Amino acid sequence: MVVSAGPAWAQSSTPQPVDWELQVVRDGQQIDSFSATTNVGQARTDTHHNITQNQVGCANQPAGDIDLTRTITVSPTHASADDITLAIDAQETLQDDSSRTTAAGCKLPPVPRQVSGSHPGLVLKPGEWGEWKIVDSNPTLLYRVRASMASAPATQ
């Protein structure tokens, strides 16, 4: 009896890796950035911490530490030579820039504010910057994003 194997017709579908970069811009100034290579259909989540200390009280002493966290999740949902689509989720802790004082004129610590947003599909031309505004004012906060098809597979 002779057994022979026929041609293998199974197609291996390797996910397309996408290089992406996200810049966080507050009131016109870049304050943070994220970048990674992520496969289409997968997600990458990163959290950055910025501990800030404020001068508070009548003696204007350092106190009132606030952990200003920023968590970004980026998931490429489509990638071709013509366009790349990224789903982006963001959670931010912002510090109010205005200072508050007591009736006696002593400084109070700023109140942190939670901001979150979700963009289901930011469509970008490969290599070109796109923008997504998260907060319109006090402060303005936007994400500048660009992406391109990567040649090397993503390491998650």
N, C-alpha and C. Protein backbone atom coordinates (compact mmCIF):
# COMPACT_ATOMS: atom_id res chain seq x y z
N MET A 1 0.84 -1.16 0.00
CA MET A 1 0.00 0.00 0.00
C MET A 1 0.89 1.24 0.00
N VAL A 2 0.60 2.15 -0.87
CA VAL A 2 1.36 3.38 -0.99
C VAL A 2 0.48 4.53 -0.54
N VAL A 3 0.98 5.33 0.35
CA VAL A 3 0.25 6.50 0.85
C VAL A 3 1.04 7.73 0.44
N SER A 4 0.37 8.63 -0.19
CA SER A 4 1.05 9.87 -0.55
C SER A 4 0.24 11.04 -0.04
N ALA A 5 0.93 12.04 0.36
CA ALA A 5 0.26 13.24 0.85
C ALA A 5 0.02 14.18 -0.31
N GLY A 6 -1.18 14.69 -0.37
CA GLY A 6 -1.53 15.66 -1.41
C GLY A 6 -1.00 17.03 -1.03
N PRO A 7 -1.17 17.97 -1.93
CA PRO A 7 -0.69 19.32 -1.63
C PRO A 7 -1.46 19.92 -0.45
N ALA A 8 -0.76 20.66 0.35
CA ALA A 8 -1.40 21.32 1.48
C ALA A 8 -2.05 22.61 1.00
N TRP A 9 -3.33 22.74 1.22
CA TRP A 9 -4.06 23.91 0.76
C TRP A 9 -4.34 24.89 1.90
N ALA A 10 -3.91 24.56 3.08
CA ALA A 10 -4.14 25.48 4.20
C ALA A 10 -3.33 26.74 3.98
N GLN A 11 -3.98 27.84 4.14
CA GLN A 11 -3.32 29.12 3.92
C GLN A 11 -2.99 29.73 5.27
N SER A 12 -1.74 30.07 5.47
CA SER A 12 -1.40 30.72 6.72
C SER A 12 -1.57 32.22 6.53
N SER A 13 -2.39 32.79 7.35
CA SER A 13 -2.68 34.21 7.25
C SER A 13 -1.94 34.92 8.38
N THR A 14 -0.82 35.52 8.05
CA THR A 14 -0.03 36.24 9.03
C THR A 14 -0.60 37.64 9.19
N PRO A 15 -0.90 38.05 10.43
CA PRO A 15 -1.45 39.39 10.63
C PRO A 15 -0.44 40.46 10.19
N GLN A 16 -0.95 41.52 9.59
CA GLN A 16 -0.11 42.62 9.13
C GLN A 16 0.33 43.45 10.33
N PRO A 17 1.64 43.60 10.56
CA PRO A 17 2.10 44.48 11.63
C PRO A 17 2.03 45.95 11.20
N VAL A 18 1.70 46.80 12.15
CA VAL A 18 1.58 48.24 11.90
C VAL A 18 2.46 48.98 12.90
N ASP A 19 3.34 49.85 12.38
CA ASP A 19 4.11 50.76 13.23
C ASP A 19 3.24 51.99 13.46
N TRP A 20 3.06 52.39 14.70
CA TRP A 20 2.27 53.59 14.98
C TRP A 20 2.96 54.45 16.03
N GLU A 21 2.64 55.72 15.98
CA GLU A 21 3.16 56.70 16.94
C GLU A 21 2.02 57.63 17.31
N LEU A 22 1.89 57.92 18.60
CA LEU A 22 0.86 58.82 19.09
C LEU A 22 1.53 59.88 19.95
N GLN A 23 1.34 61.15 19.60
CA GLN A 23 1.88 62.26 20.37
C GLN A 23 0.73 62.94 21.11
N VAL A 24 0.92 63.22 22.38
CA VAL A 24 -0.08 63.91 23.19
C VAL A 24 0.29 65.39 23.19
N VAL A 25 -0.64 66.24 22.73
CA VAL A 25 -0.38 67.68 22.61
C VAL A 25 -1.38 68.42 23.50
N ARG A 26 -0.84 69.17 24.47
CA ARG A 26 -1.68 69.95 25.38
C ARG A 26 -1.39 71.43 25.15
N ASP A 27 -2.44 72.18 24.83
CA ASP A 27 -2.31 73.62 24.58
C ASP A 27 -1.17 73.93 23.61
N GLY A 28 -1.04 73.11 22.56
CA GLY A 28 -0.06 73.35 21.52
C GLY A 28 1.33 72.78 21.77
N GLN A 29 1.59 72.22 22.95
CA GLN A 29 2.90 71.68 23.28
C GLN A 29 2.83 70.16 23.43
N GLN A 30 3.76 69.45 22.80
CA GLN A 30 3.81 68.00 22.97
C GLN A 30 4.27 67.69 24.39
N ILE A 31 3.49 66.86 25.10
CA ILE A 31 3.82 66.55 26.49
C ILE A 31 4.11 65.07 26.72
N ASP A 32 3.82 64.22 25.75
CA ASP A 32 4.03 62.79 25.93
C ASP A 32 3.96 62.12 24.56
N SER A 33 4.45 60.90 24.47
CA SER A 33 4.33 60.15 23.22
C SER A 33 4.34 58.65 23.51
N PHE A 34 3.72 57.93 22.62
CA PHE A 34 3.65 56.47 22.67
C PHE A 34 3.99 55.96 21.28
N SER A 35 4.61 54.79 21.20
CA SER A 35 4.86 54.18 19.89
C SER A 35 5.04 52.68 20.08
N ALA A 36 4.67 51.94 19.05
CA ALA A 36 4.81 50.48 19.10
C ALA A 36 4.56 49.91 17.72
N THR A 37 4.80 48.63 17.59
CA THR A 37 4.41 47.86 16.41
C THR A 37 3.36 46.87 16.90
N THR A 38 2.18 46.93 16.29
CA THR A 38 1.06 46.10 16.73
C THR A 38 0.41 45.46 15.51
N ASN A 39 0.11 44.18 15.60
CA ASN A 39 -0.53 43.47 14.49
C ASN A 39 -1.99 43.89 14.34
N VAL A 40 -2.47 43.89 13.10
CA VAL A 40 -3.89 44.12 12.85
C VAL A 40 -4.68 43.07 13.63
N GLY A 41 -5.72 43.53 14.32
CA GLY A 41 -6.55 42.63 15.10
C GLY A 41 -6.09 42.45 16.54
N GLN A 42 -4.94 43.02 16.89
CA GLN A 42 -4.46 42.95 18.27
C GLN A 42 -4.46 44.36 18.85
N ALA A 43 -4.29 44.46 20.16
CA ALA A 43 -4.29 45.76 20.83
C ALA A 43 -3.02 45.90 21.67
N ARG A 44 -2.60 47.12 21.83
CA ARG A 44 -1.44 47.45 22.67
C ARG A 44 -1.89 48.52 23.66
N THR A 45 -1.70 48.26 24.96
CA THR A 45 -2.07 49.22 26.00
C THR A 45 -0.81 49.62 26.75
N ASP A 46 -0.63 50.93 26.92
CA ASP A 46 0.48 51.47 27.70
C ASP A 46 -0.05 52.53 28.65
N THR A 47 0.56 52.59 29.83
CA THR A 47 0.21 53.61 30.81
C THR A 47 1.47 54.37 31.18
N HIS A 48 1.39 55.69 31.13
CA HIS A 48 2.48 56.56 31.58
C HIS A 48 2.01 57.29 32.84
N HIS A 49 2.93 57.45 33.79
CA HIS A 49 2.65 58.15 35.05
C HIS A 49 3.51 59.40 35.11
N ASN A 50 2.92 60.48 35.61
CA ASN A 50 3.65 61.72 35.84
C ASN A 50 3.22 62.24 37.21
N ILE A 51 4.07 61.99 38.20
CA ILE A 51 3.76 62.47 39.55
C ILE A 51 4.13 63.94 39.62
N THR A 52 3.15 64.77 39.94
CA THR A 52 3.41 66.19 40.03
C THR A 52 3.16 66.65 41.46
N GLN A 53 4.03 67.53 41.93
CA GLN A 53 3.90 68.04 43.29
C GLN A 53 3.55 69.52 43.21
N ASN A 54 2.60 69.92 44.03
CA ASN A 54 2.12 71.30 44.00
C ASN A 54 2.51 72.03 45.28
N GLN A 55 2.70 73.34 45.15
CA GLN A 55 2.96 74.20 46.31
C GLN A 55 1.60 74.60 46.87
N VAL A 56 1.35 74.25 48.14
CA VAL A 56 0.04 74.52 48.73
C VAL A 56 0.18 75.13 50.12
N GLY A 57 -0.94 75.62 50.64
CA GLY A 57 -1.00 76.17 51.99
C GLY A 57 -0.52 77.61 52.04
N CYS A 58 -0.65 78.19 53.22
CA CYS A 58 -0.23 79.59 53.40
C CYS A 58 1.29 79.73 53.34
N ALA A 59 2.00 78.64 53.68
CA ALA A 59 3.46 78.68 53.64
C ALA A 59 3.99 78.29 52.26
N ASN A 60 3.08 77.97 51.34
CA ASN A 60 3.45 77.61 49.97
C ASN A 60 4.48 76.48 49.96
N GLN A 61 4.18 75.41 50.70
CA GLN A 61 5.06 74.26 50.84
C GLN A 61 4.70 73.17 49.84
N PRO A 62 5.71 72.38 49.41
CA PRO A 62 5.42 71.26 48.51
C PRO A 62 4.52 70.23 49.19
N ALA A 63 3.47 69.88 48.53
CA ALA A 63 2.52 68.87 49.05
C ALA A 63 1.51 68.59 47.95
N GLY A 64 0.59 67.76 48.25
CA GLY A 64 -0.51 67.52 47.31
C GLY A 64 -0.07 66.83 46.04
N ASP A 65 0.74 65.76 46.16
CA ASP A 65 1.16 65.02 44.97
C ASP A 65 -0.05 64.46 44.23
N ILE A 66 -0.02 64.55 42.91
CA ILE A 66 -1.07 64.00 42.06
C ILE A 66 -0.41 63.12 41.00
N ASP A 67 -0.91 61.90 40.85
CA ASP A 67 -0.41 60.99 39.81
C ASP A 67 -1.23 61.24 38.55
N LEU A 68 -0.65 61.95 37.62
CA LEU A 68 -1.32 62.23 36.35
C LEU A 68 -1.05 61.06 35.41
N THR A 69 -2.00 60.13 35.36
CA THR A 69 -1.82 58.94 34.53
C THR A 69 -2.43 59.14 33.16
N ARG A 70 -1.87 58.45 32.21
CA ARG A 70 -2.37 58.46 30.83
C ARG A 70 -2.28 57.03 30.33
N THR A 71 -3.43 56.44 29.99
CA THR A 71 -3.47 55.08 29.46
C THR A 71 -4.04 55.12 28.06
N ILE A 72 -3.29 54.57 27.13
CA ILE A 72 -3.67 54.56 25.71
C ILE A 72 -3.72 53.11 25.24
N THR A 73 -4.80 52.74 24.56
CA THR A 73 -4.91 51.44 23.91
C THR A 73 -5.08 51.69 22.42
N VAL A 74 -4.20 51.12 21.62
CA VAL A 74 -4.26 51.27 20.16
C VAL A 74 -4.41 49.89 19.54
N SER A 75 -5.38 49.79 18.64
CA SER A 75 -5.62 48.53 17.95
C SER A 75 -5.79 48.79 16.46
N PRO A 76 -4.83 48.38 15.64
CA PRO A 76 -5.01 48.49 14.20
C PRO A 76 -6.13 47.53 13.76
N THR A 77 -7.11 48.07 13.04
CA THR A 77 -8.22 47.23 12.57
C THR A 77 -8.15 46.97 11.08
N HIS A 78 -7.32 47.75 10.37
CA HIS A 78 -7.17 47.59 8.92
C HIS A 78 -5.83 48.20 8.52
N ALA A 79 -5.16 47.55 7.57
CA ALA A 79 -3.90 48.11 7.06
C ALA A 79 -3.75 47.72 5.60
N SER A 80 -3.53 48.73 4.77
CA SER A 80 -3.25 48.50 3.35
C SER A 80 -2.28 49.59 2.90
N ALA A 81 -1.86 49.52 1.66
CA ALA A 81 -0.96 50.54 1.13
C ALA A 81 -1.65 51.90 1.03
N ASP A 82 -3.00 51.90 0.99
CA ASP A 82 -3.76 53.15 0.83
C ASP A 82 -4.14 53.81 2.15
N ASP A 83 -4.50 53.01 3.14
CA ASP A 83 -4.91 53.58 4.42
C ASP A 83 -4.75 52.57 5.56
N ILE A 84 -4.67 53.12 6.76
CA ILE A 84 -4.55 52.33 7.98
C ILE A 84 -5.60 52.86 8.95
N THR A 85 -6.34 51.96 9.57
CA THR A 85 -7.37 52.35 10.53
C THR A 85 -6.96 51.88 11.92
N LEU A 86 -6.99 52.82 12.87
CA LEU A 86 -6.66 52.52 14.26
C LEU A 86 -7.85 52.80 15.15
N ALA A 87 -8.18 51.87 16.02
CA ALA A 87 -9.13 52.11 17.10
C ALA A 87 -8.31 52.55 18.31
N ILE A 88 -8.72 53.65 18.94
CA ILE A 88 -7.95 54.21 20.05
C ILE A 88 -8.87 54.45 21.24
N ASP A 89 -8.44 53.97 22.41
CA ASP A 89 -9.12 54.27 23.67
C ASP A 89 -8.12 55.01 24.55
N ALA A 90 -8.62 56.02 25.26
CA ALA A 90 -7.73 56.83 26.09
C ALA A 90 -8.39 57.18 27.41
N GLN A 91 -7.61 57.14 28.47
CA GLN A 91 -8.03 57.62 29.78
C GLN A 91 -6.90 58.51 30.30
N GLU A 92 -7.29 59.71 30.73
CA GLU A 92 -6.31 60.69 31.20
C GLU A 92 -6.73 61.25 32.55
N THR A 93 -5.74 61.52 33.39
CA THR A 93 -5.97 62.32 34.59
C THR A 93 -5.24 63.64 34.35
N LEU A 94 -6.00 64.72 34.29
CA LEU A 94 -5.44 66.05 34.03
C LEU A 94 -5.46 66.87 35.31
N GLN A 95 -4.54 67.81 35.39
CA GLN A 95 -4.52 68.74 36.51
C GLN A 95 -5.00 70.08 36.02
N ASP A 96 -5.92 70.68 36.75
CA ASP A 96 -6.44 72.00 36.41
C ASP A 96 -5.32 73.02 36.59
N ASP A 97 -5.14 73.88 35.59
CA ASP A 97 -4.07 74.88 35.66
C ASP A 97 -4.41 76.06 36.56
N SER A 98 -5.69 76.31 36.80
CA SER A 98 -6.06 77.46 37.63
C SER A 98 -5.83 77.12 39.10
N SER A 99 -5.36 78.10 39.84
CA SER A 99 -5.10 77.86 41.26
C SER A 99 -6.29 78.35 42.09
N ARG A 100 -6.59 77.58 43.12
CA ARG A 100 -7.67 77.94 44.03
C ARG A 100 -7.04 78.37 45.36
N THR A 101 -7.73 79.25 46.06
CA THR A 101 -7.23 79.71 47.36
C THR A 101 -8.36 79.70 48.38
N THR A 102 -7.95 79.65 49.65
CA THR A 102 -8.91 79.75 50.75
C THR A 102 -9.28 81.22 50.94
N ALA A 103 -10.23 81.48 51.83
CA ALA A 103 -10.62 82.86 52.14
C ALA A 103 -9.44 83.65 52.70
N ALA A 104 -8.51 82.94 53.35
CA ALA A 104 -7.33 83.60 53.92
C ALA A 104 -6.22 83.79 52.88
N GLY A 105 -6.45 83.31 51.65
CA GLY A 105 -5.46 83.48 50.59
C GLY A 105 -4.45 82.37 50.48
N CYS A 106 -4.68 81.26 51.19
CA CYS A 106 -3.75 80.13 51.12
C CYS A 106 -4.09 79.25 49.92
N LYS A 107 -3.05 78.75 49.27
CA LYS A 107 -3.25 77.92 48.07
C LYS A 107 -3.82 76.55 48.42
N LEU A 108 -4.80 76.12 47.63
CA LEU A 108 -5.35 74.78 47.72
C LEU A 108 -4.77 73.94 46.59
N PRO A 109 -4.65 72.62 46.81
CA PRO A 109 -4.14 71.79 45.72
C PRO A 109 -5.13 71.75 44.56
N PRO A 110 -4.63 71.63 43.34
CA PRO A 110 -5.52 71.54 42.19
C PRO A 110 -6.34 70.25 42.25
N VAL A 111 -7.49 70.29 41.65
CA VAL A 111 -8.37 69.12 41.62
C VAL A 111 -8.11 68.36 40.32
N PRO A 112 -7.74 67.08 40.43
CA PRO A 112 -7.53 66.31 39.20
C PRO A 112 -8.86 66.04 38.49
N ARG A 113 -8.78 65.89 37.20
CA ARG A 113 -9.98 65.66 36.38
C ARG A 113 -9.73 64.45 35.50
N GLN A 114 -10.71 63.56 35.44
CA GLN A 114 -10.64 62.37 34.60
C GLN A 114 -11.26 62.67 33.24
N VAL A 115 -10.55 62.31 32.18
CA VAL A 115 -11.04 62.47 30.82
C VAL A 115 -10.85 61.14 30.11
N SER A 116 -11.86 60.73 29.36
CA SER A 116 -11.70 59.50 28.58
C SER A 116 -12.34 59.69 27.22
N GLY A 117 -11.84 58.95 26.26
CA GLY A 117 -12.38 59.02 24.91
C GLY A 117 -12.11 57.74 24.17
N SER A 118 -12.92 57.51 23.16
CA SER A 118 -12.76 56.31 22.34
C SER A 118 -13.01 56.68 20.89
N HIS A 119 -12.07 56.36 20.04
CA HIS A 119 -12.24 56.58 18.60
C HIS A 119 -12.29 55.20 17.96
N PRO A 120 -13.44 54.83 17.37
CA PRO A 120 -13.58 53.47 16.84
C PRO A 120 -12.79 53.21 15.56
N GLY A 121 -12.39 54.27 14.86
CA GLY A 121 -11.66 54.03 13.62
C GLY A 121 -11.08 55.28 13.01
N LEU A 122 -9.91 55.68 13.48
CA LEU A 122 -9.20 56.83 12.92
C LEU A 122 -8.48 56.36 11.66
N VAL A 123 -8.89 56.88 10.51
CA VAL A 123 -8.32 56.46 9.23
C VAL A 123 -7.16 57.40 8.88
N LEU A 124 -6.01 56.80 8.62
CA LEU A 124 -4.79 57.56 8.32
C LEU A 124 -4.20 57.11 7.00
N LYS A 125 -3.59 58.04 6.29
CA LYS A 125 -2.77 57.70 5.13
C LYS A 125 -1.41 57.26 5.68
N PRO A 126 -0.86 56.16 5.20
CA PRO A 126 0.41 55.67 5.73
C PRO A 126 1.49 56.75 5.75
N GLY A 127 2.10 56.93 6.92
CA GLY A 127 3.19 57.89 7.08
C GLY A 127 2.76 59.32 7.32
N GLU A 128 1.47 59.64 7.18
CA GLU A 128 0.99 61.01 7.37
C GLU A 128 0.35 61.16 8.75
N TRP A 129 0.48 62.37 9.31
CA TRP A 129 -0.10 62.65 10.62
C TRP A 129 -1.59 62.93 10.51
N GLY A 130 -2.34 62.42 11.47
CA GLY A 130 -3.75 62.75 11.65
C GLY A 130 -3.94 63.24 13.07
N GLU A 131 -5.07 63.89 13.34
CA GLU A 131 -5.32 64.42 14.68
C GLU A 131 -6.67 63.97 15.20
N TRP A 132 -6.73 63.80 16.51
CA TRP A 132 -7.98 63.50 17.20
C TRP A 132 -8.02 64.37 18.44
N LYS A 133 -8.97 65.32 18.49
CA LYS A 133 -9.08 66.23 19.63
C LYS A 133 -9.89 65.55 20.73
N ILE A 134 -9.31 65.49 21.92
CA ILE A 134 -9.94 64.85 23.08
C ILE A 134 -10.69 65.88 23.92
N VAL A 135 -10.05 67.03 24.18
CA VAL A 135 -10.64 68.09 25.00
C VAL A 135 -10.53 69.39 24.21
N ASP A 136 -11.66 70.11 24.11
CA ASP A 136 -11.70 71.35 23.32
C ASP A 136 -11.04 72.54 24.00
N SER A 137 -11.16 72.64 25.33
CA SER A 137 -10.60 73.81 26.02
C SER A 137 -10.34 73.51 27.49
N ASN A 138 -9.49 74.35 28.08
CA ASN A 138 -9.15 74.31 29.51
C ASN A 138 -8.69 72.96 30.00
N PRO A 139 -7.67 72.35 29.53
CA PRO A 139 -6.81 72.72 28.40
C PRO A 139 -7.31 72.06 27.11
N THR A 140 -6.74 72.50 25.98
CA THR A 140 -6.98 71.73 24.76
C THR A 140 -6.06 70.52 24.81
N LEU A 141 -6.59 69.39 24.38
CA LEU A 141 -5.81 68.17 24.40
C LEU A 141 -6.12 67.40 23.13
N LEU A 142 -5.08 67.13 22.35
CA LEU A 142 -5.30 66.35 21.14
C LEU A 142 -4.19 65.33 20.97
N TYR A 143 -4.51 64.32 20.20
CA TYR A 143 -3.54 63.28 19.87
C TYR A 143 -3.19 63.42 18.40
N ARG A 144 -1.89 63.51 18.12
CA ARG A 144 -1.38 63.46 16.75
C ARG A 144 -0.93 62.02 16.54
N VAL A 145 -1.42 61.42 15.47
CA VAL A 145 -1.19 59.99 15.26
C VAL A 145 -0.71 59.76 13.84
N ARG A 146 0.26 58.86 13.68
CA ARG A 146 0.64 58.40 12.35
C ARG A 146 0.93 56.91 12.42
N ALA A 147 0.79 56.27 11.28
CA ALA A 147 1.01 54.82 11.22
C ALA A 147 1.51 54.44 9.84
N SER A 148 2.20 53.32 9.79
CA SER A 148 2.65 52.77 8.51
C SER A 148 2.72 51.25 8.65
N MET A 149 2.70 50.58 7.52
CA MET A 149 2.80 49.13 7.54
C MET A 149 4.24 48.76 7.87
N ALA A 150 4.39 47.84 8.81
CA ALA A 150 5.72 47.42 9.24
C ALA A 150 6.13 46.17 8.48
N SER A 151 7.43 46.00 8.34
CA SER A 151 7.91 44.80 7.64
C SER A 151 8.18 43.66 8.62
N ALA A 152 8.54 44.00 9.85
CA ALA A 152 8.82 42.96 10.85
C ALA A 152 7.58 42.69 11.68
N PRO A 153 7.38 41.45 12.11
CA PRO A 153 6.22 41.15 12.94
C PRO A 153 6.28 41.85 14.28
N ALA A 154 5.12 42.12 14.83
CA ALA A 154 5.03 42.80 16.12
C ALA A 154 5.40 41.84 17.24
N THR A 155 6.10 42.36 18.24
CA THR A 155 6.38 41.58 19.44
C THR A 155 5.52 42.16 20.54
N GLN A 156 4.57 41.42 20.97
CA GLN A 156 3.60 41.91 21.95
C GLN A 156 4.09 41.76 23.35
